[in-house]
C-alpha atoms as a PDB file:
ATOM      1  CA  UNK A   1      79.815 -39.959  96.112  1.00  0.00           C
ATOM      2  CA  UNK A   2      79.381 -37.947  93.159  1.00  0.00           C
ATOM      3  CA  UNK A   3      75.993 -37.883  91.592  1.00  0.00           C
ATOM      4  CA  UNK A   4      75.677 -39.467  88.241  1.00  0.00           C
ATOM      5  CA  UNK A   5      74.269 -37.372  85.537  1.00  0.00           C
ATOM      6  CA  UNK A   6      72.549 -39.370  82.897  1.00  0.00           C
ATOM      7  CA  UNK A   7      72.114 -37.765  79.521  1.00  0.00           C
ATOM      8  CA  UNK A   8      68.572 -36.694  78.940  1.00  0.00           C
ATOM      9  CA  UNK A   9      66.694 -38.782  76.442  1.00  0.00           C
ATOM     10  CA  UNK A  10      66.013 -36.646  73.474  1.00  0.00           C
ATOM     11  CA  UNK A  11      62.610 -37.293  72.138  1.00  0.00           C
ATOM     12  CA  UNK A  12      60.988 -35.696  69.146  1.00  0.00           C
ATOM     13  CA  UNK A  13      57.638 -34.009  69.266  1.00  0.00           C
ATOM     14  CA  UNK A  14      56.135 -37.097  67.647  1.00  0.00           C
ATOM     15  CA  UNK A  15      57.496 -39.397  70.455  1.00  0.00           C
ATOM     16  CA  UNK A  16      56.497 -37.208  73.395  1.00  0.00           C
ATOM     17  CA  UNK A  17      54.144 -38.899  75.757  1.00  0.00           C
ATOM     18  CA  UNK A  18      51.157 -36.996  76.797  1.00  0.00           C
ATOM     19  CA  UNK A  19      50.618 -36.022  80.301  1.00  0.00           C
ATOM     20  CA  UNK A  20      48.110 -37.968  82.311  1.00  0.00           C
ATOM     21  CA  UNK A  21      44.576 -36.953  81.351  1.00  0.00           C
ATOM     22  CA  UNK A  22      45.639 -35.528  77.940  1.00  0.00           C
ATOM     23  CA  UNK A  23      45.171 -37.312  74.572  1.00  0.00           C
ATOM     24  CA  UNK A  24      48.175 -38.802  73.037  1.00  0.00           C
ATOM     25  CA  UNK A  25      49.688 -36.477  70.442  1.00  0.00           C
ATOM     26  CA  UNK A  26      49.777 -37.654  66.824  1.00  0.00           C
ATOM     27  CA  UNK A  27      51.509 -36.430  63.693  1.00  0.00           C
ATOM     28  CA  UNK A  28      48.314 -34.631  62.459  1.00  0.00           C
ATOM     29  CA  UNK A  29      45.295 -34.210  64.651  1.00  0.00           C
ATOM     30  CA  UNK A  30      41.866 -35.081  63.386  1.00  0.00           C
ATOM     31  CA  UNK A  31      40.701 -31.471  63.750  1.00  0.00           C
ATOM     32  CA  UNK A  32      43.426 -30.154  61.464  1.00  0.00           C
ATOM     33  CA  UNK A  33      42.583 -32.820  58.894  1.00  0.00           C
ATOM     34  CA  UNK A  34      38.906 -31.940  58.911  1.00  0.00           C
ATOM     35  CA  UNK A  35      39.667 -28.211  58.533  1.00  0.00           C
ATOM     36  CA  UNK A  36      41.962 -28.839  55.595  1.00  0.00           C
ATOM     37  CA  UNK A  37      39.460 -31.113  53.827  1.00  0.00           C
ATOM     38  CA  UNK A  38      36.676 -28.503  54.358  1.00  0.00           C
ATOM     39  CA  UNK A  39      38.941 -25.804  52.956  1.00  0.00           C
ATOM     40  CA  UNK A  40      39.651 -27.997  49.923  1.00  0.00           C
ATOM     41  CA  UNK A  41      35.909 -28.399  49.328  1.00  0.00           C
ATOM     42  CA  UNK A  42      35.290 -24.654  49.596  1.00  0.00           C
ATOM     43  CA  UNK A  43      38.066 -23.773  47.202  1.00  0.00           C
ATOM     44  CA  UNK A  44      36.338 -22.435  44.019  1.00  0.00           C
ATOM     45  CA  UNK A  45      37.222 -23.918  40.663  1.00  0.00           C
ATOM     46  CA  UNK A  46      39.458 -21.858  38.385  1.00  0.00           C
ATOM     47  CA  UNK A  47      37.672 -19.007  36.570  1.00  0.00           C
ATOM     48  CA  UNK A  48      34.737 -18.812  38.974  1.00  0.00           C
ATOM     49  CA  UNK A  49      33.970 -16.509  41.855  1.00  0.00           C
ATOM     50  CA  UNK A  50      32.097 -17.052  45.051  1.00  0.00           C
ATOM     51  CA  UNK A  51      30.123 -14.139  46.447  1.00  0.00           C
ATOM     52  CA  UNK A  52      29.070 -14.464  50.029  1.00  0.00           C
ATOM     53  CA  UNK A  53      25.950 -12.550  51.005  1.00  0.00           C
ATOM     54  CA  UNK A  54      25.234 -12.034  54.658  1.00  0.00           C
ATOM     55  CA  UNK A  55      22.177 -13.866  55.836  1.00  0.00           C
ATOM     56  CA  UNK A  56      20.555 -10.692  57.075  1.00  0.00           C
ATOM     57  CA  UNK A  57      20.448  -9.375  53.477  1.00  0.00           C
ATOM     58  CA  UNK A  58      18.750 -12.423  51.922  1.00  0.00           C
ATOM     59  CA  UNK A  59      15.026 -11.677  51.702  1.00  0.00           C
ATOM     60  CA  UNK A  60      12.356 -14.265  51.231  1.00  0.00           C
ATOM     61  CA  UNK A  61       9.786 -11.470  51.038  1.00  0.00           C
ATOM     62  CA  UNK A  62      10.499  -8.092  49.298  1.00  0.00           C
ATOM     63  CA  UNK A  63      11.154  -5.297  51.750  1.00  0.00           C
ATOM     64  CA  UNK A  64       8.316  -2.793  52.280  1.00  0.00           C
ATOM     65  CA  UNK A  65       9.885  -0.008  50.208  1.00  0.00           C
ATOM     66  CA  UNK A  66      10.259  -2.383  47.213  1.00  0.00           C
ATOM     67  CA  UNK A  67       6.661  -3.549  47.577  1.00  0.00           C
ATOM     68  CA  UNK A  68       5.406   0.050  47.510  1.00  0.00           C
ATOM     69  CA  UNK A  69       7.532   0.774  44.444  1.00  0.00           C
ATOM     70  CA  UNK A  70       6.153  -2.300  42.663  1.00  0.00           C
ATOM     71  CA  UNK A  71       2.587  -1.210  43.400  1.00  0.00           C
ATOM     72  CA  UNK A  72       3.331   2.266  42.018  1.00  0.00           C
ATOM     73  CA  UNK A  73       4.790   0.817  38.805  1.00  0.00           C
ATOM     74  CA  UNK A  74       1.826  -1.528  38.442  1.00  0.00           C
ATOM     75  CA  UNK A  75      -0.706   1.305  38.830  1.00  0.00           C
ATOM     76  CA  UNK A  76       1.232   3.431  36.319  1.00  0.00           C
ATOM     77  CA  UNK A  77       1.335   0.634  33.725  1.00  0.00           C
ATOM     78  CA  UNK A  78      -2.373  -0.022  34.257  1.00  0.00           C
ATOM     79  CA  UNK A  79      -3.155   3.650  33.653  1.00  0.00           C
ATOM     80  CA  UNK A  80      -1.085   3.601  30.449  1.00  0.00           C
ATOM     81  CA  UNK A  81      -2.915   0.521  29.160  1.00  0.00           C
ATOM     82  CA  UNK A  82      -6.261   2.021  30.022  1.00  0.00           C
ATOM     83  CA  UNK A  83      -5.341   5.309  28.294  1.00  0.00           C
ATOM     84  CA  UNK A  84      -4.198   3.504  25.127  1.00  0.00           C
ATOM     85  CA  UNK A  85      -7.322   1.349  25.023  1.00  0.00           C
ATOM     86  CA  UNK A  86      -9.544   4.398  25.515  1.00  0.00           C
ATOM     87  CA  UNK A  87      -7.730   6.296  22.751  1.00  0.00           C
ATOM     88  CA  UNK A  88      -8.068   3.327  20.393  1.00  0.00           C
ATOM     89  CA  UNK A  89     -11.742   2.955  21.192  1.00  0.00           C
ATOM     90  CA  UNK A  90     -12.405   6.672  20.587  1.00  0.00           C
ATOM     91  CA  UNK A  91     -10.535   6.560  17.272  1.00  0.00           C
ATOM     92  CA  UNK A  92     -12.498   3.539  16.096  1.00  0.00           C
ATOM     93  CA  UNK A  93     -15.762   5.175  17.166  1.00  0.00           C
ATOM     94  CA  UNK A  94     -14.841   8.377  15.300  1.00  0.00           C
ATOM     95  CA  UNK A  95     -13.985   6.482  12.113  1.00  0.00           C
ATOM     96  CA  UNK A  96     -17.223   4.524  12.348  1.00  0.00           C
ATOM     97  CA  UNK A  97     -19.162   7.739  12.840  1.00  0.00           C
ATOM     98  CA  UNK A  98     -17.494   9.329   9.798  1.00  0.00           C
ATOM     99  CA  UNK A  99     -18.270   6.289   7.664  1.00  0.00           C
ATOM    100  CA  UNK A 100     -21.883   6.246   8.760  1.00  0.00           C
ATOM    101  CA  UNK A 101     -22.200  10.006   8.215  1.00  0.00           C
ATOM    102  CA  UNK A 102     -20.670   9.755   4.724  1.00  0.00           C
ATOM    103  CA  UNK A 103     -22.934   6.871   3.782  1.00  0.00           C
ATOM    104  CA  UNK A 104     -25.958   8.743   5.102  1.00  0.00           C
ATOM    105  CA  UNK A 105     -25.010  11.896   3.190  1.00  0.00           C
ATOM    106  CA  UNK A 106     -24.483   9.893  -0.006  1.00  0.00           C
ATOM    107  CA  UNK A 107     -27.840   8.205   0.472  1.00  0.00           C
ATOM    108  CA  UNK A 108     -29.583  11.543   1.004  1.00  0.00           C
ATOM    109  CA  UNK A 109     -27.923  13.040  -2.085  1.00  0.00           C
ATOM    110  CA  UNK A 110     -28.929  10.035  -4.157  1.00  0.00           C
ATOM    111  CA  UNK A 111     -32.552  10.204  -3.008  1.00  0.00           C
ATOM    112  CA  UNK A 112     -32.771  13.958  -3.515  1.00  0.00           C
ATOM    113  CA  UNK A 113     -30.923  14.333  -6.821  1.00  0.00           C
ATOM    114  CA  UNK A 114     -31.349  10.821  -8.294  1.00  0.00           C
ATOM    115  CA  UNK A 115     -28.137  11.003 -10.393  1.00  0.00           C
ATOM    116  CA  UNK A 116     -27.937   9.349 -13.803  1.00  0.00           C
ATOM    117  CA  UNK A 117     -24.866   8.552 -15.890  1.00  0.00           C
ATOM    118  CA  UNK A 118     -24.491  10.845 -18.917  1.00  0.00           C
ATOM    119  CA  UNK A 119     -24.772   9.359 -22.399  1.00  0.00           C
ATOM    120  CA  UNK A 120     -22.211   9.793 -25.157  1.00  0.00           C
ATOM    121  CA  UNK A 121     -22.164   8.868 -28.834  1.00  0.00           C
ATOM    122  CA  UNK A 122     -20.211   9.582 -32.020  1.00  0.00           C
ATOM    123  CA  UNK A 123     -22.552  11.014 -34.651  1.00  0.00           C
ATOM    124  CA  UNK A 124     -20.027  11.681 -37.419  1.00  0.00           C
ATOM    125  CA  UNK A 125     -16.474  10.874 -38.471  1.00  0.00           C
ATOM    126  CA  UNK A 126     -14.559  12.545 -41.273  1.00  0.00           C
ATOM    127  CA  UNK A 127     -11.178  11.115 -42.262  1.00  0.00           C
ATOM    128  CA  UNK A 128      -8.309  12.668 -44.234  1.00  0.00           C
ATOM    129  CA  UNK A 129      -4.776  11.524 -44.941  1.00  0.00           C
ATOM    130  CA  UNK A 130      -5.525   7.809 -45.454  1.00  0.00           C
ATOM    131  CA  UNK A 131      -4.276   6.912 -48.949  1.00  0.00           C
ATOM    132  CA  UNK A 132      -4.609   3.159 -49.297  1.00  0.00           C
ATOM    133  CA  UNK A 133      -5.119   3.018 -53.061  1.00  0.00           C
ATOM    134  CA  UNK A 134      -1.402   3.007 -54.009  1.00  0.00           C
ATOM    135  CA  UNK A 135      -0.124  -0.491 -54.573  1.00  0.00           C
ATOM    136  CA  UNK A 136       3.583   0.133 -54.810  1.00  0.00           C
ATOM    137  CA  UNK A 137       5.977  -1.168 -52.170  1.00  0.00           C
ATOM    138  CA  UNK A 138       7.210   2.347 -51.482  1.00  0.00           C
ATOM    139  CA  UNK A 139       3.656   3.495 -50.725  1.00  0.00           C
ATOM    140  CA  UNK A 140       3.108   0.542 -48.453  1.00  0.00           C
ATOM    141  CA  UNK A 141       6.163   1.533 -46.394  1.00  0.00           C
ATOM    142  CA  UNK A 142       5.316   5.263 -46.309  1.00  0.00           C
ATOM    143  CA  UNK A 143       4.249   6.824 -42.998  1.00  0.00           C
ATOM    144  CA  UNK A 144       0.703   8.149 -42.671  1.00  0.00           C
ATOM    145  CA  UNK A 145      -0.521  11.377 -41.058  1.00  0.00           C
ATOM    146  CA  UNK A 146      -4.262  10.857 -40.693  1.00  0.00           C
ATOM    147  CA  UNK A 147      -6.708  13.539 -39.547  1.00  0.00           C
ATOM    148  CA  UNK A 148     -10.093  12.766 -38.011  1.00  0.00           C
ATOM    149  CA  UNK A 149     -12.916  15.203 -37.321  1.00  0.00           C
ATOM    150  CA  UNK A 150     -15.263  13.562 -34.838  1.00  0.00           C
ATOM    151  CA  UNK A 151     -18.762  14.829 -34.080  1.00  0.00           C
ATOM    152  CA  UNK A 152     -19.568  13.908 -30.482  1.00  0.00           C
ATOM    153  CA  UNK A 153     -22.917  14.093 -28.714  1.00  0.00           C
ATOM    154  CA  UNK A 154     -22.992  14.487 -24.902  1.00  0.00           C
ATOM    155  CA  UNK A 155     -26.352  14.086 -23.180  1.00  0.00           C
ATOM    156  CA  UNK A 156     -26.876  15.031 -19.519  1.00  0.00           C
ATOM    157  CA  UNK A 157     -30.241  13.533 -18.496  1.00  0.00           C
ATOM    158  CA  UNK A 158     -30.122  14.767 -14.874  1.00  0.00           C
ATOM    159  CA  UNK A 159     -32.723  17.302 -13.752  1.00  0.00           C
ATOM    160  CA  UNK A 160     -30.752  18.686 -10.778  1.00  0.00           C
ATOM    161  CA  UNK A 161     -27.118  17.998 -11.652  1.00  0.00           C
ATOM    162  CA  UNK A 162     -24.630  19.957 -13.770  1.00  0.00           C
ATOM    163  CA  UNK A 163     -21.292  18.756 -15.132  1.00  0.00           C
ATOM    164  CA  UNK A 164     -18.025  20.687 -15.433  1.00  0.00           C
ATOM    165  CA  UNK A 165     -15.770  19.198 -18.140  1.00  0.00           C
ATOM    166  CA  UNK A 166     -12.250  20.184 -17.155  1.00  0.00           C
ATOM    167  CA  UNK A 167      -8.886  20.274 -18.915  1.00  0.00           C
ATOM    168  CA  UNK A 168      -6.574  17.281 -19.051  1.00  0.00           C
ATOM    169  CA  UNK A 169      -8.763  15.058 -21.244  1.00  0.00           C
ATOM    170  CA  UNK A 170      -7.708  12.779 -24.076  1.00  0.00           C
ATOM    171  CA  UNK A 171      -9.403  11.152 -27.077  1.00  0.00           C
ATOM    172  CA  UNK A 172      -7.795   8.521 -29.295  1.00  0.00           C
ATOM    173  CA  UNK A 173      -8.876   6.485 -32.325  1.00  0.00           C
ATOM    174  CA  UNK A 174      -7.244   3.136 -33.071  1.00  0.00           C
ATOM    175  CA  UNK A 175      -7.548   0.256 -35.517  1.00  0.00           C
ATOM    176  CA  UNK A 176      -6.702  -3.281 -34.461  1.00  0.00           C
ATOM    177  CA  UNK A 177      -4.699  -1.997 -31.468  1.00  0.00           C
ATOM    178  CA  UNK A 178      -2.706   0.575 -33.480  1.00  0.00           C
ATOM    179  CA  UNK A 179      -3.241   4.173 -32.362  1.00  0.00           C
ATOM    180  CA  UNK A 180      -4.038   6.314 -35.418  1.00  0.00           C
ATOM    181  CA  UNK A 181      -4.652   9.764 -33.905  1.00  0.00           C
ATOM    182  CA  UNK A 182      -5.415  11.603 -30.683  1.00  0.00           C
ATOM    183  CA  UNK A 183      -7.012  14.830 -29.500  1.00  0.00           C
ATOM    184  CA  UNK A 184      -8.683  16.499 -26.506  1.00  0.00           C
ATOM    185  CA  UNK A 185     -12.208  17.030 -25.200  1.00  0.00           C
ATOM    186  CA  UNK A 186     -13.240  20.708 -24.974  1.00  0.00           C
ATOM    187  CA  UNK A 187     -13.732  22.314 -21.561  1.00  0.00           C
ATOM    188  CA  UNK A 188     -17.257  23.602 -20.829  1.00  0.00           C
ATOM    189  CA  UNK A 189     -20.113  23.431 -18.345  1.00  0.00           C
ATOM    190  CA  UNK A 190     -23.096  21.285 -19.211  1.00  0.00           C
ATOM    191  CA  UNK A 191     -26.260  22.222 -17.384  1.00  0.00           C
ATOM    192  CA  UNK A 192     -29.098  19.985 -16.273  1.00  0.00           C
ATOM    193  CA  UNK A 193     -31.114  18.215 -18.990  1.00  0.00           C
ATOM    194  CA  UNK A 194     -28.735  19.514 -21.620  1.00  0.00           C
ATOM    195  CA  UNK A 195     -27.528  17.986 -24.906  1.00  0.00           C
ATOM    196  CA  UNK A 196     -24.268  19.336 -26.340  1.00  0.00           C
ATOM    197  CA  UNK A 197     -22.950  18.406 -29.791  1.00  0.00           C
ATOM    198  CA  UNK A 198     -19.448  19.469 -30.749  1.00  0.00           C
ATOM    199  CA  UNK A 199     -16.649  18.611 -33.153  1.00  0.00           C
ATOM    200  CA  UNK A 200     -13.138  17.791 -32.090  1.00  0.00           C
ATOM    201  CA  UNK A 201     -10.082  17.383 -34.293  1.00  0.00           C
ATOM    202  CA  UNK A 202      -7.758  14.417 -33.862  1.00  0.00           C
ATOM    203  CA  UNK A 203      -4.420  14.156 -35.627  1.00  0.00           C
ATOM    204  CA  UNK A 204      -1.702  11.563 -36.038  1.00  0.00           C
ATOM    205  CA  UNK A 205       1.763  11.620 -37.557  1.00  0.00           C
ATOM    206  CA  UNK A 206       4.358   9.060 -38.494  1.00  0.00           C
ATOM    207  CA  UNK A 207       1.881   6.165 -38.416  1.00  0.00           C
ATOM    208  CA  UNK A 208       3.376   3.106 -40.092  1.00  0.00           C
ATOM    209  CA  UNK A 209       1.196   0.147 -40.938  1.00  0.00           C
ATOM    210  CA  UNK A 210       2.427  -3.268 -41.856  1.00  0.00           C
ATOM    211  CA  UNK A 211       1.605  -4.691 -45.269  1.00  0.00           C
ATOM    212  CA  UNK A 212      -0.849  -7.119 -43.669  1.00  0.00           C
ATOM    213  CA  UNK A 213      -2.674  -4.307 -41.852  1.00  0.00           C
ATOM    214  CA  UNK A 214      -2.848  -2.213 -45.030  1.00  0.00           C
ATOM    215  CA  UNK A 215      -4.297  -5.161 -46.919  1.00  0.00           C
ATOM    216  CA  UNK A 216      -6.819  -5.710 -44.107  1.00  0.00           C
ATOM    217  CA  UNK A 217      -7.899  -2.051 -44.294  1.00  0.00           C
ATOM    218  CA  UNK A 218      -8.279  -2.256 -48.076  1.00  0.00           C
ATOM    219  CA  UNK A 219     -10.395  -5.384 -47.681  1.00  0.00           C
ATOM    220  CA  UNK A 220     -12.545  -3.736 -44.972  1.00  0.00           C
ATOM    221  CA  UNK A 221     -13.160  -0.711 -47.185  1.00  0.00           C
ATOM    222  CA  UNK A 222     -14.155  -2.944 -50.082  1.00  0.00           C
ATOM    223  CA  UNK A 223     -16.723  -4.529 -47.761  1.00  0.00           C
ATOM    224  CA  UNK A 224     -17.694  -1.052 -46.533  1.00  0.00           C
ATOM    225  CA  UNK A 225     -17.097  -2.039 -42.905  1.00  0.00           C
ATOM    226  CA  UNK A 226     -14.022  -0.515 -41.267  1.00  0.00           C
ATOM    227  CA  UNK A 227     -14.054  -1.095 -37.467  1.00  0.00           C
ATOM    228  CA  UNK A 228     -12.545   1.648 -35.307  1.00  0.00           C
ATOM    229  CA  UNK A 229     -12.213   2.040 -31.544  1.00  0.00           C
ATOM    230  CA  UNK A 230     -12.579   5.443 -29.875  1.00  0.00           C
ATOM    231  CA  UNK A 231     -11.413   5.883 -26.271  1.00  0.00           C
ATOM    232  CA  UNK A 232     -12.137   8.959 -24.171  1.00  0.00           C
ATOM    233  CA  UNK A 233     -10.922   9.936 -20.697  1.00  0.00           C
ATOM    234  CA  UNK A 234     -12.083  13.303 -19.353  1.00  0.00           C
ATOM    235  CA  UNK A 235     -11.938  14.732 -15.815  1.00  0.00           C
ATOM    236  CA  UNK A 236     -15.233  16.232 -14.616  1.00  0.00           C
ATOM    237  CA  UNK A 237     -16.731  17.785 -11.517  1.00  0.00           C
ATOM    238  CA  UNK A 238     -20.367  17.191 -10.710  1.00  0.00           C
ATOM    239  CA  UNK A 239     -22.504  19.978  -9.274  1.00  0.00           C
ATOM    240  CA  UNK A 240     -25.275  18.938  -6.838  1.00  0.00           C
ATOM    241  CA  UNK A 241     -27.166  22.147  -6.204  1.00  0.00           C
ATOM    242  CA  UNK A 242     -24.664  24.394  -4.404  1.00  0.00           C
ATOM    243  CA  UNK A 243     -22.204  21.545  -3.765  1.00  0.00           C
ATOM    244  CA  UNK A 244     -19.473  20.604  -6.261  1.00  0.00           C
ATOM    245  CA  UNK A 245     -17.664  17.298  -5.954  1.00  0.00           C
ATOM    246  CA  UNK A 246     -13.987  16.560  -6.322  1.00  0.00           C
ATOM    247  CA  UNK A 247     -12.575  15.695  -9.766  1.00  0.00           C
ATOM    248  CA  UNK A 248     -13.986  12.463 -11.205  1.00  0.00           C
ATOM    249  CA  UNK A 249     -12.691  10.709 -14.325  1.00  0.00           C
ATOM    250  CA  UNK A 250     -15.222   9.603 -16.949  1.00  0.00           C
ATOM    251  CA  UNK A 251     -13.989   6.870 -19.300  1.00  0.00           C
ATOM    252  CA  UNK A 252     -15.913   6.252 -22.522  1.00  0.00           C
ATOM    253  CA  UNK A 253     -15.296   3.566 -25.124  1.00  0.00           C
ATOM    254  CA  UNK A 254     -17.084   3.623 -28.467  1.00  0.00           C
ATOM    255  CA  UNK A 255     -16.926   0.913 -31.126  1.00  0.00           C
ATOM    256  CA  UNK A 256     -17.655   2.632 -34.420  1.00  0.00           C
ATOM    257  CA  UNK A 257     -17.813   1.083 -37.885  1.00  0.00           C
ATOM    258  CA  UNK A 258     -17.531   3.342 -40.964  1.00  0.00           C
ATOM    259  CA  UNK A 259     -17.972   2.463 -44.610  1.00  0.00           C
ATOM    260  CA  UNK A 260     -14.674   4.047 -45.713  1.00  0.00           C
ATOM    261  CA  UNK A 261     -11.786   6.191 -44.527  1.00  0.00           C
ATOM    262  CA  UNK A 262     -12.545   9.360 -46.470  1.00  0.00           C
ATOM    263  CA  UNK A 263     -13.938  12.826 -45.841  1.00  0.00           C
ATOM    264  CA  UNK A 264     -17.486  11.711 -46.681  1.00  0.00           C
ATOM    265  CA  UNK A 265     -17.375   8.526 -44.618  1.00  0.00           C
ATOM    266  CA  UNK A 266     -20.601   7.322 -43.056  1.00  0.00           C
ATOM    267  CA  UNK A 267     -21.105   5.556 -39.724  1.00  0.00           C
ATOM    268  CA  UNK A 268     -22.599   2.084 -40.225  1.00  0.00           C
ATOM    269  CA  UNK A 269     -22.869   1.035 -36.550  1.00  0.00           C
ATOM    270  CA  UNK A 270     -21.868   2.410 -33.157  1.00  0.00           C
ATOM    271  CA  UNK A 271     -22.071   1.544 -29.471  1.00  0.00           C
ATOM    272  CA  UNK A 272     -20.617   3.331 -26.434  1.00  0.00           C
ATOM    273  CA  UNK A 273     -20.038   2.282 -22.827  1.00  0.00           C
ATOM    274  CA  UNK A 274     -19.338   4.626 -19.881  1.00  0.00           C
ATOM    275  CA  UNK A 275     -17.308   3.905 -16.767  1.00  0.00           C
ATOM    276  CA  UNK A 276     -16.912   6.394 -13.925  1.00  0.00           C
ATOM    277  CA  UNK A 277     -13.802   6.393 -11.744  1.00  0.00           C
ATOM    278  CA  UNK A 278     -14.704   8.324  -8.553  1.00  0.00           C
ATOM    279  CA  UNK A 279     -11.093   8.534  -7.340  1.00  0.00           C
END
């Protein structure tokens, strides 16, 4: 009797029965699902990068060579700060010493020489070129060229101090803010306890006065009181024994009133003030 051959039952991998003792196969095992979900979680978002550092290279405490380097940098920075602070302290101490030494030297010079401010005055004033008698309109508009000859008295009351009057000075005479003429102070040396009287010429050109100012000058002359202002600025050097100072500027202002603006004018009143500019 011939054996019957039955066709083998074709089963798919999904319908295969597991052997005894083995878990039943499924379409996707739980392990593959967990691996895929973990991979999805680890997938970085677009535009970012994940850098994995081995655990043996993550330090909670700096390695010894880095610690030694940090200590070296710290000591070097400390030395720099200490050096800067020391330099600043020495500079401040030097400046303080220089200030104290200068003040002490100035105090000693003052006690030894007892300096006094020189005195200045205007003893005479001769005027030419002021023709205010013409009453025509053309004369009122004409330009003036006045000439002043000023007699100046300089008094040095110091017993141990000499004065060098240097070049670069200026003298001006004005009326009511209008500059009438200008000149210079002569250069000379004035010794201790010396009085020097000299004349200096001051000239002006193209001076135009308004009609009101001309009328005011005519009125002042009729009252025999013409107020003038004389300003002087002269550079000097002061000699203390064998020591000569740097150049100092002496500024003098004198308010002088004359009876008229002529050659034989006479000073009615005068007062002068002196201001010294040490620098």
